[in-house]
Amino acid sequence: MPVTPARRCSRTACTRPATCTLTYVYADQTAVLGPLSTFAEPHAYDLCEEHAERLSAPRGWEVVRLIREHVPAGPSDDDLLALANAVREAGRPIASVTAGSPRSVAQAVAEPGAREAREAGARETGRRGHLRVLTTD
């Protein structure tokens, strides 16, 4: 999995990492400063801690701060657990579809595409996650 570099502050000449995202709600004349968004949005501005603290809005606008303290963005526990579960699942041995296997024939038949594979004379010889290896006799 490629590692993406940390997003930088949107302010000109600032090289610090972004810690929060600024968006404007023009209809309500509101500037919203919240946690760093998951993806870089074209109409939002990523700001570092210093620029987020010094943020000011146009006259008559309200600034809404959804975060109280700036926490550097990094992998969360949920991200690490999801990665560990994916690695664990990929390393699990593949059970063949036989009467004695933990995966029953009824479960294999109920899977999407199983009927079409049987009609074509194919049988499942391997499986990794949602991918199946089918061979024809």
Protein backbone atom coordinates (compact mmCIF):
# COMPACT_ATOMS: atom_id res chain seq x y z
CA MET A 1 0.00 0.00 0.00
CA PRO A 2 1.60 3.31 -1.04
CA VAL A 3 2.11 5.85 1.70
CA THR A 4 0.73 9.27 0.85
CA PRO A 5 2.63 12.27 2.16
CA ALA A 6 0.95 14.37 4.83
CA ARG A 7 -1.06 17.28 3.47
CA ARG A 8 0.49 20.70 3.94
CA CYS A 9 -1.06 23.95 5.07
CA SER A 10 -2.86 25.80 2.25
CA ARG A 11 -1.36 29.15 3.20
CA THR A 12 1.28 30.44 0.79
CA ALA A 13 4.88 29.53 1.72
CA CYS A 14 3.79 27.53 4.78
CA THR A 15 5.40 24.09 4.89
CA ARG A 16 3.89 22.84 8.13
CA PRO A 17 1.53 19.82 8.08
CA ALA A 18 -2.20 20.54 8.06
CA THR A 19 -4.15 19.74 11.21
CA CYS A 20 -7.64 21.02 10.36
CA THR A 21 -9.86 22.00 7.43
CA LEU A 22 -11.54 25.35 6.84
CA THR A 23 -14.73 25.61 4.79
CA TYR A 24 -17.01 28.55 4.12
CA VAL A 25 -20.80 28.46 4.20
CA TYR A 26 -21.61 31.51 2.13
CA ALA A 27 -25.39 31.33 2.63
CA ASP A 28 -24.96 31.61 6.42
CA GLN A 29 -21.88 33.85 6.31
CA THR A 30 -20.02 31.31 8.41
CA ALA A 31 -16.45 29.99 8.37
CA VAL A 32 -16.27 26.44 9.76
CA LEU A 33 -12.98 25.15 11.15
CA GLY A 34 -13.11 21.42 11.77
CA PRO A 35 -10.91 18.33 11.94
CA LEU A 36 -8.73 17.54 8.96
CA SER A 37 -10.92 16.10 6.23
CA THR A 38 -10.25 12.62 4.92
CA PHE A 39 -9.61 13.84 1.39
CA ALA A 40 -8.34 17.15 0.03
CA GLU A 41 -11.44 19.02 -1.15
CA PRO A 42 -11.19 21.65 -3.90
CA HIS A 43 -13.32 24.23 -2.01
CA ALA A 44 -11.77 23.72 1.41
CA TYR A 45 -8.52 24.90 2.92
CA ASP A 46 -6.21 22.75 5.02
CA LEU A 47 -4.53 24.77 7.76
CA CYS A 48 -1.67 24.12 10.17
CA GLU A 49 -2.12 24.66 13.90
CA GLU A 50 -0.65 28.18 13.86
CA HIS A 51 -2.79 29.45 10.98
CA ALA A 52 -5.92 27.83 12.44
CA GLU A 53 -5.41 29.67 15.74
CA ARG A 54 -4.92 33.02 13.98
CA LEU A 55 -7.93 32.55 11.68
CA SER A 56 -10.19 35.54 11.21
CA ALA A 57 -13.32 35.79 9.08
CA PRO A 58 -14.65 38.69 7.01
CA ARG A 59 -16.56 41.42 8.87
CA GLY A 60 -20.06 40.22 9.80
CA TRP A 61 -19.15 36.54 9.45
CA GLU A 62 -19.17 34.01 12.27
CA VAL A 63 -16.34 31.53 12.90
CA VAL A 64 -17.44 28.09 14.12
CA ARG A 65 -14.64 25.98 15.60
CA LEU A 66 -15.61 22.32 15.76
CA ILE A 67 -12.33 21.28 17.40
CA ARG A 68 -10.94 22.64 20.63
CA GLU A 69 -7.40 21.34 20.49
CA HIS A 70 -5.33 20.52 17.47
CA VAL A 71 -4.18 16.92 17.30
CA PRO A 72 -1.65 15.99 14.62
CA ALA A 73 -3.26 13.78 12.02
CA GLY A 74 -2.01 10.22 12.05
CA PRO A 75 -3.30 6.69 11.81
CA SER A 76 -6.13 6.06 14.22
CA ASP A 77 -6.69 2.87 16.18
CA ASP A 78 -9.51 2.02 13.76
CA ASP A 79 -7.15 2.27 10.78
CA LEU A 80 -4.57 0.04 12.44
CA LEU A 81 -7.17 -2.54 13.47
CA ALA A 82 -8.63 -2.64 9.95
CA LEU A 83 -5.16 -3.17 8.50
CA ALA A 84 -4.38 -5.94 11.01
CA ASN A 85 -7.69 -7.67 10.22
CA ALA A 86 -7.02 -7.49 6.47
CA VAL A 87 -3.56 -9.02 6.92
CA ARG A 88 -4.97 -11.73 9.19
CA GLU A 89 -7.71 -12.55 6.64
CA ALA A 90 -5.22 -12.74 3.77
CA GLY A 91 -3.02 -15.14 5.73
CA ARG A 92 -5.85 -17.51 6.61
CA PRO A 93 -5.67 -20.93 4.89
CA ILE A 94 -8.17 -21.57 2.12
CA ALA A 95 -10.75 -24.25 2.87
CA SER A 96 -11.81 -26.31 -0.11
CA VAL A 97 -15.47 -26.94 -0.80
CA THR A 98 -15.95 -30.52 0.35
CA ALA A 99 -18.42 -32.19 2.66
CA GLY A 100 -15.89 -32.31 5.51
CA SER A 101 -14.67 -28.73 5.24
CA PRO A 102 -15.76 -26.00 7.65
CA ARG A 103 -17.41 -24.21 4.72
CA SER A 104 -20.39 -26.26 3.64
CA VAL A 105 -21.49 -26.91 0.08
CA ALA A 106 -24.77 -25.14 0.89
CA GLN A 107 -22.84 -21.98 1.78
CA ALA A 108 -20.84 -22.15 -1.44
CA VAL A 109 -23.98 -22.68 -3.52
CA ALA A 110 -25.65 -19.66 -1.92
CA GLU A 111 -22.81 -17.33 -2.97
CA PRO A 112 -23.36 -14.96 -5.89
CA GLY A 113 -22.25 -16.52 -9.17
CA ALA A 114 -22.09 -20.08 -7.78
CA ARG A 115 -25.01 -21.29 -9.89
CA GLU A 116 -23.52 -19.87 -13.10
CA ALA A 117 -20.18 -21.49 -12.28
CA ARG A 118 -21.87 -24.89 -11.71
CA GLU A 119 -23.81 -24.62 -14.97
CA ALA A 120 -20.56 -23.91 -16.85
CA GLY A 121 -18.98 -27.04 -15.32
CA ALA A 122 -16.54 -25.07 -13.18
CA ARG A 123 -15.59 -25.86 -9.63
CA GLU A 124 -13.96 -23.70 -7.02
CA THR A 125 -10.36 -24.63 -6.26
CA GLY A 126 -9.23 -21.61 -4.27
CA ARG A 127 -10.45 -18.48 -2.58
CA ARG A 128 -8.94 -15.25 -1.21
CA GLY A 129 -11.47 -12.86 0.30
CA HIS A 130 -14.10 -12.12 -2.34
CA LEU A 131 -12.02 -13.60 -5.22
CA ARG A 132 -12.45 -17.23 -6.32
CA VAL A 133 -10.36 -19.50 -8.52
CA LEU A 134 -12.59 -21.58 -10.78
CA THR A 135 -11.43 -24.46 -12.94
CA THR A 136 -13.37 -26.39 -15.55
CA ASP A 137 -13.14 -30.15 -15.87
